[in-house]
């Protein structure tokens, strides 16, 4: 079986950056970084001691693995232009199907790390679920060997399952983070610091590590406290968007009719 030693990145965003760091730390060599913008390509290539290019025609053909880490739209576009023939190619998307890469090569797969990434934050890949898929058992085995070098959590899931996982991740990660933004604005308007909420945010996230989310739910809506909810809605009466958002989510919680013990908030 072919071994993966040399890797090329097509993309230089958050996922490529953190995955690149993890792979280099695990002993792999990044030979090239491609990006449409020179600043991004040069910056990441410098961090990974790799060459860089902003031209698709100059992507090297001597890597053992090509990792496409772009937005879904950009991945679709590059699939129309890139020809890697018998090279092993994977994408890191949570939503794109496996076979979108079939026009690029006859060897392809998915290497999807389930995590939120930012270039400015160090992250430990050992605890990140890596979701794998490939168009052959041999290619899947290669990906598993690679994945085990950077994470202890390896999952083989198909394209349909991965799309549902990504949907769940949006609800679990992106939407709550947007709620933090709203909360920060509400506090700012009252001349209060967001730091006041950080212990609450930490405890909320930590509880679901050991408690089923439905059992961890607290708040006025889940206990049916209409008086407090009406007070909150009164405070939001001049902001229709937040008023409607608060009411919709509260109504959903009331409908769930869950009454946890030892309610505190």
Protein backbone atom coordinates (compact mmCIF):
# COMPACT_ATOMS: atom_id res chain seq x y z
CA UNK A 1 0.00 0.00 0.00
CA UNK A 2 1.20 3.49 -0.88
CA UNK A 3 2.35 5.57 2.07
CA UNK A 4 1.40 9.19 2.56
CA UNK A 5 4.41 11.37 3.34
CA UNK A 6 4.18 14.50 1.22
CA UNK A 7 0.99 16.56 1.21
CA UNK A 8 -0.20 19.56 -0.80
CA UNK A 9 -2.92 21.93 0.36
CA UNK A 10 -5.35 23.52 -2.04
CA UNK A 11 -6.65 26.32 0.13
CA UNK A 12 -5.13 28.38 2.93
CA UNK A 13 -8.03 29.21 5.21
CA UNK A 14 -8.80 28.31 8.81
CA UNK A 15 -9.17 24.55 8.28
CA UNK A 16 -6.09 24.28 6.08
CA UNK A 17 -4.06 26.25 8.60
CA UNK A 18 -4.93 24.18 11.66
CA UNK A 19 -4.87 20.87 9.80
CA UNK A 20 -1.53 21.80 8.26
CA UNK A 21 -0.07 22.51 11.70
CA UNK A 22 -1.37 19.17 12.99
CA UNK A 23 0.05 17.21 10.06
CA UNK A 24 3.46 18.84 10.31
CA UNK A 25 3.44 18.12 14.03
CA UNK A 26 2.71 14.47 13.25
CA UNK A 27 5.73 14.23 10.96
CA UNK A 28 4.22 14.81 7.52
CA UNK A 29 5.78 17.20 5.01
CA UNK A 30 3.68 19.88 3.38
CA UNK A 31 5.23 20.41 -0.03
CA UNK A 32 2.99 23.15 -1.39
CA UNK A 33 0.13 25.50 -0.55
CA UNK A 34 -2.18 26.85 -3.25
CA UNK A 35 -4.47 29.81 -2.74
CA UNK A 36 -6.06 32.33 -5.07
CA UNK A 37 -4.55 35.13 -3.01
CA UNK A 38 -0.78 35.43 -2.67
CA UNK A 39 -0.90 36.83 0.86
CA UNK A 40 -2.76 33.76 2.17
CA UNK A 41 -0.70 31.25 0.22
CA UNK A 42 2.62 32.80 1.17
CA UNK A 43 1.68 33.19 4.85
CA UNK A 44 0.59 29.57 5.35
CA UNK A 45 3.42 28.18 3.23
CA UNK A 46 5.86 30.10 5.42
CA UNK A 47 4.32 28.63 8.57
CA UNK A 48 4.50 25.11 7.13
CA UNK A 49 7.94 25.44 5.46
CA UNK A 50 6.34 24.74 2.09
CA UNK A 51 6.34 26.21 -1.39
CA UNK A 52 3.32 28.19 -2.54
CA UNK A 53 1.53 29.09 -5.73
CA UNK A 54 -1.47 31.12 -6.81
CA UNK A 55 -1.72 29.36 -10.17
CA UNK A 56 -3.63 26.11 -10.64
CA UNK A 57 -1.29 25.24 -13.50
CA UNK A 58 1.67 25.34 -11.10
CA UNK A 59 0.29 22.87 -8.56
CA UNK A 60 2.94 20.20 -8.12
CA UNK A 61 2.17 16.65 -9.19
CA UNK A 62 4.57 14.83 -6.85
CA UNK A 63 2.55 14.89 -3.60
CA UNK A 64 1.12 11.70 -2.08
CA UNK A 65 -2.08 13.47 -1.01
CA UNK A 66 -3.89 16.63 -2.08
CA UNK A 67 -6.19 18.22 0.50
CA UNK A 68 -8.78 20.59 -0.93
CA UNK A 69 -9.80 22.90 1.89
CA UNK A 70 -11.93 25.58 0.28
CA UNK A 71 -15.49 26.85 0.51
CA UNK A 72 -18.01 24.56 -1.14
CA UNK A 73 -18.47 26.94 -4.08
CA UNK A 74 -14.71 27.29 -4.59
CA UNK A 75 -14.30 23.51 -4.41
CA UNK A 76 -16.93 23.09 -7.10
CA UNK A 77 -15.15 25.61 -9.31
CA UNK A 78 -11.70 24.08 -8.88
CA UNK A 79 -13.10 20.64 -9.68
CA UNK A 80 -13.80 21.98 -13.18
CA UNK A 81 -10.19 23.10 -13.65
CA UNK A 82 -7.97 20.66 -11.77
CA UNK A 83 -6.66 17.39 -13.23
CA UNK A 84 -4.68 15.21 -10.83
CA UNK A 85 -5.37 11.93 -12.66
CA UNK A 86 -4.25 9.05 -10.42
CA UNK A 87 -3.28 11.24 -7.45
CA UNK A 88 -5.08 10.82 -4.11
CA UNK A 89 -7.36 13.82 -3.49
CA UNK A 90 -9.62 14.59 -0.54
CA UNK A 91 -11.82 17.49 0.50
CA UNK A 92 -12.59 18.70 4.02
CA UNK A 93 -16.21 19.82 3.49
CA UNK A 94 -19.03 18.85 5.81
CA UNK A 95 -21.63 19.02 3.04
CA UNK A 96 -20.11 18.19 -0.36
CA UNK A 97 -20.58 14.61 -1.58
CA UNK A 98 -17.66 12.27 -1.96
CA UNK A 99 -18.01 11.92 -5.73
CA UNK A 100 -17.62 15.64 -6.46
CA UNK A 101 -13.93 14.79 -6.72
CA UNK A 102 -14.44 12.07 -9.35
CA UNK A 103 -13.70 14.53 -12.16
CA UNK A 104 -10.28 15.34 -10.67
CA UNK A 105 -8.88 11.88 -10.04
CA UNK A 106 -9.80 8.21 -9.85
CA UNK A 107 -8.62 8.17 -6.21
CA UNK A 108 -10.54 10.40 -3.85
CA UNK A 109 -11.97 10.72 -0.39
CA UNK A 110 -13.19 12.98 2.43
CA UNK A 111 -11.20 14.10 5.48
CA UNK A 112 -13.68 16.13 7.52
CA UNK A 113 -12.55 17.47 10.92
CA UNK A 114 -15.58 18.26 13.06
CA UNK A 115 -14.49 21.41 14.82
CA UNK A 116 -14.67 25.19 14.58
CA UNK A 117 -11.33 26.64 13.48
CA UNK A 118 -9.68 30.04 13.60
CA UNK A 119 -6.16 30.82 12.44
CA UNK A 120 -5.38 32.72 15.62
CA UNK A 121 -6.14 29.89 18.06
CA UNK A 122 -3.97 26.88 18.84
CA UNK A 123 -5.99 23.68 18.89
CA UNK A 124 -5.33 20.10 19.96
CA UNK A 125 -6.28 17.80 17.10
CA UNK A 126 -6.10 14.67 19.26
CA UNK A 127 -9.64 15.28 20.54
CA UNK A 128 -11.19 16.29 17.20
CA UNK A 129 -13.47 13.76 15.45
CA UNK A 130 -12.14 13.04 11.97
CA UNK A 131 -14.86 11.80 9.63
CA UNK A 132 -13.56 9.76 6.72
CA UNK A 133 -14.92 8.46 3.45
CA UNK A 134 -13.22 7.18 0.30
CA UNK A 135 -14.03 5.62 -3.06
CA UNK A 136 -12.18 2.38 -2.26
CA UNK A 137 -11.20 0.38 0.79
CA UNK A 138 -7.52 0.89 0.00
CA UNK A 139 -7.94 4.65 -0.06
CA UNK A 140 -10.00 4.55 3.13
CA UNK A 141 -7.28 2.55 4.87
CA UNK A 142 -4.71 5.16 3.80
CA UNK A 143 -6.84 7.92 5.26
CA UNK A 144 -7.30 6.00 8.50
CA UNK A 145 -3.54 5.62 8.89
CA UNK A 146 -3.11 9.34 8.29
CA UNK A 147 -5.94 10.29 10.64
CA UNK A 148 -4.62 8.15 13.49
CA UNK A 149 -1.42 10.18 13.44
CA UNK A 150 -3.29 13.37 14.37
CA UNK A 151 -6.43 12.31 16.27
CA UNK A 152 -7.70 9.61 18.59
CA UNK A 153 -11.26 9.90 17.26
CA UNK A 154 -11.73 8.38 13.82
CA UNK A 155 -15.16 7.81 12.26
CA UNK A 156 -16.12 6.26 8.94
CA UNK A 157 -19.34 7.95 7.77
CA UNK A 158 -20.98 8.32 4.38
CA UNK A 159 -21.84 11.55 2.56
CA UNK A 160 -25.47 11.57 3.71
CA UNK A 161 -24.50 11.08 7.35
CA UNK A 162 -21.83 13.77 7.09
CA UNK A 163 -24.35 16.28 5.74
CA UNK A 164 -26.65 15.62 8.71
CA UNK A 165 -23.68 15.88 11.07
CA UNK A 166 -22.81 19.26 9.59
CA UNK A 167 -26.40 20.44 10.05
CA UNK A 168 -26.30 19.37 13.69
CA UNK A 169 -22.97 21.17 14.09
CA UNK A 170 -24.48 24.42 12.82
CA UNK A 171 -27.17 24.19 15.49
CA UNK A 172 -24.64 23.25 18.18
CA UNK A 173 -21.89 25.73 17.28
CA UNK A 174 -22.71 28.50 14.82
CA UNK A 175 -26.14 29.40 16.16
CA UNK A 176 -25.05 29.55 19.83
CA UNK A 177 -22.08 31.72 18.85
CA UNK A 178 -24.50 34.11 17.13
CA UNK A 179 -26.51 34.14 20.36
CA UNK A 180 -23.33 35.19 22.18
CA UNK A 181 -23.06 38.10 19.75
CA UNK A 182 -26.63 39.13 20.54
CA UNK A 183 -25.97 38.78 24.28
CA UNK A 184 -22.84 40.93 23.98
CA UNK A 185 -24.83 43.65 22.22
CA UNK A 186 -27.58 43.56 24.88
CA UNK A 187 -24.97 43.86 27.63
CA UNK A 188 -23.14 46.63 25.81
CA UNK A 189 -26.36 48.63 25.52
CA UNK A 190 -26.70 48.33 29.31
CA UNK A 191 -23.06 49.33 29.85
CA UNK A 192 -22.16 45.82 31.07
CA UNK A 193 -19.21 43.56 30.14
CA UNK A 194 -19.57 40.28 28.23
CA UNK A 195 -17.18 38.73 30.77
CA UNK A 196 -20.14 38.51 33.15
CA UNK A 197 -21.58 35.70 31.02
CA UNK A 198 -18.43 33.65 30.51
CA UNK A 199 -18.78 31.43 33.63
CA UNK A 200 -22.38 30.71 32.58
CA UNK A 201 -21.29 29.87 29.03
CA UNK A 202 -18.57 27.53 30.32
CA UNK A 203 -20.93 25.69 32.67
CA UNK A 204 -23.57 25.34 29.94
CA UNK A 205 -21.01 23.78 27.60
CA UNK A 206 -19.53 21.55 30.31
CA UNK A 207 -22.90 20.18 31.45
CA UNK A 208 -23.64 18.52 28.13
CA UNK A 209 -20.39 16.56 28.41
CA UNK A 210 -22.05 14.48 31.14
CA UNK A 211 -25.78 15.27 30.94
CA UNK A 212 -28.22 14.74 28.09
CA UNK A 213 -28.97 18.20 26.59
CA UNK A 214 -32.71 17.83 27.14
CA UNK A 215 -32.04 17.20 30.84
CA UNK A 216 -29.64 20.15 31.09
CA UNK A 217 -32.14 22.68 29.72
CA UNK A 218 -33.00 25.49 32.14
CA UNK A 219 -34.62 28.92 31.94
CA UNK A 220 -38.01 30.62 32.20
CA UNK A 221 -39.45 29.03 29.05
CA UNK A 222 -38.78 25.45 30.08
CA UNK A 223 -40.47 26.00 33.42
CA UNK A 224 -43.33 27.93 31.84
CA UNK A 225 -42.64 31.22 33.59
CA UNK A 226 -44.73 33.48 31.38
CA UNK A 227 -44.26 36.51 33.63
CA UNK A 228 -40.50 36.63 33.09
CA UNK A 229 -40.85 35.92 29.37
CA UNK A 230 -43.30 38.83 29.02
CA UNK A 231 -40.84 41.09 30.84
CA UNK A 232 -38.08 40.06 28.43
CA UNK A 233 -40.34 40.65 25.42
CA UNK A 234 -41.18 44.09 26.75
CA UNK A 235 -37.46 44.90 26.81
CA UNK A 236 -37.22 43.78 23.17
CA UNK A 237 -40.35 45.52 21.89
CA UNK A 238 -38.32 48.06 19.88
CA UNK A 239 -36.29 45.36 18.12
CA UNK A 240 -38.69 43.24 16.08
CA UNK A 241 -36.05 40.76 14.93
CA UNK A 242 -34.90 39.92 18.45
CA UNK A 243 -38.46 40.04 19.75
CA UNK A 244 -39.55 37.45 17.20
CA UNK A 245 -36.43 35.33 17.76
CA UNK A 246 -36.89 35.30 21.55
CA UNK A 247 -40.58 34.45 21.21
CA UNK A 248 -40.01 31.67 18.66
CA UNK A 249 -37.32 29.92 20.70
CA UNK A 250 -39.27 30.34 23.94
CA UNK A 251 -42.39 28.89 22.31
CA UNK A 252 -40.36 25.89 21.14
CA UNK A 253 -39.08 25.32 24.67
CA UNK A 254 -42.55 25.67 26.19
CA UNK A 255 -43.86 23.15 23.69
CA UNK A 256 -41.17 20.67 24.71
CA UNK A 257 -42.85 20.69 28.16
CA UNK A 258 -39.70 19.58 29.97
CA UNK A 259 -39.47 20.50 33.64
CA UNK A 260 -35.98 19.74 35.00
CA UNK A 261 -35.42 19.58 38.73
CA UNK A 262 -33.34 22.12 40.66
CA UNK A 263 -34.06 24.90 38.18
CA UNK A 264 -31.70 27.82 38.84
CA UNK A 265 -31.91 30.23 35.91
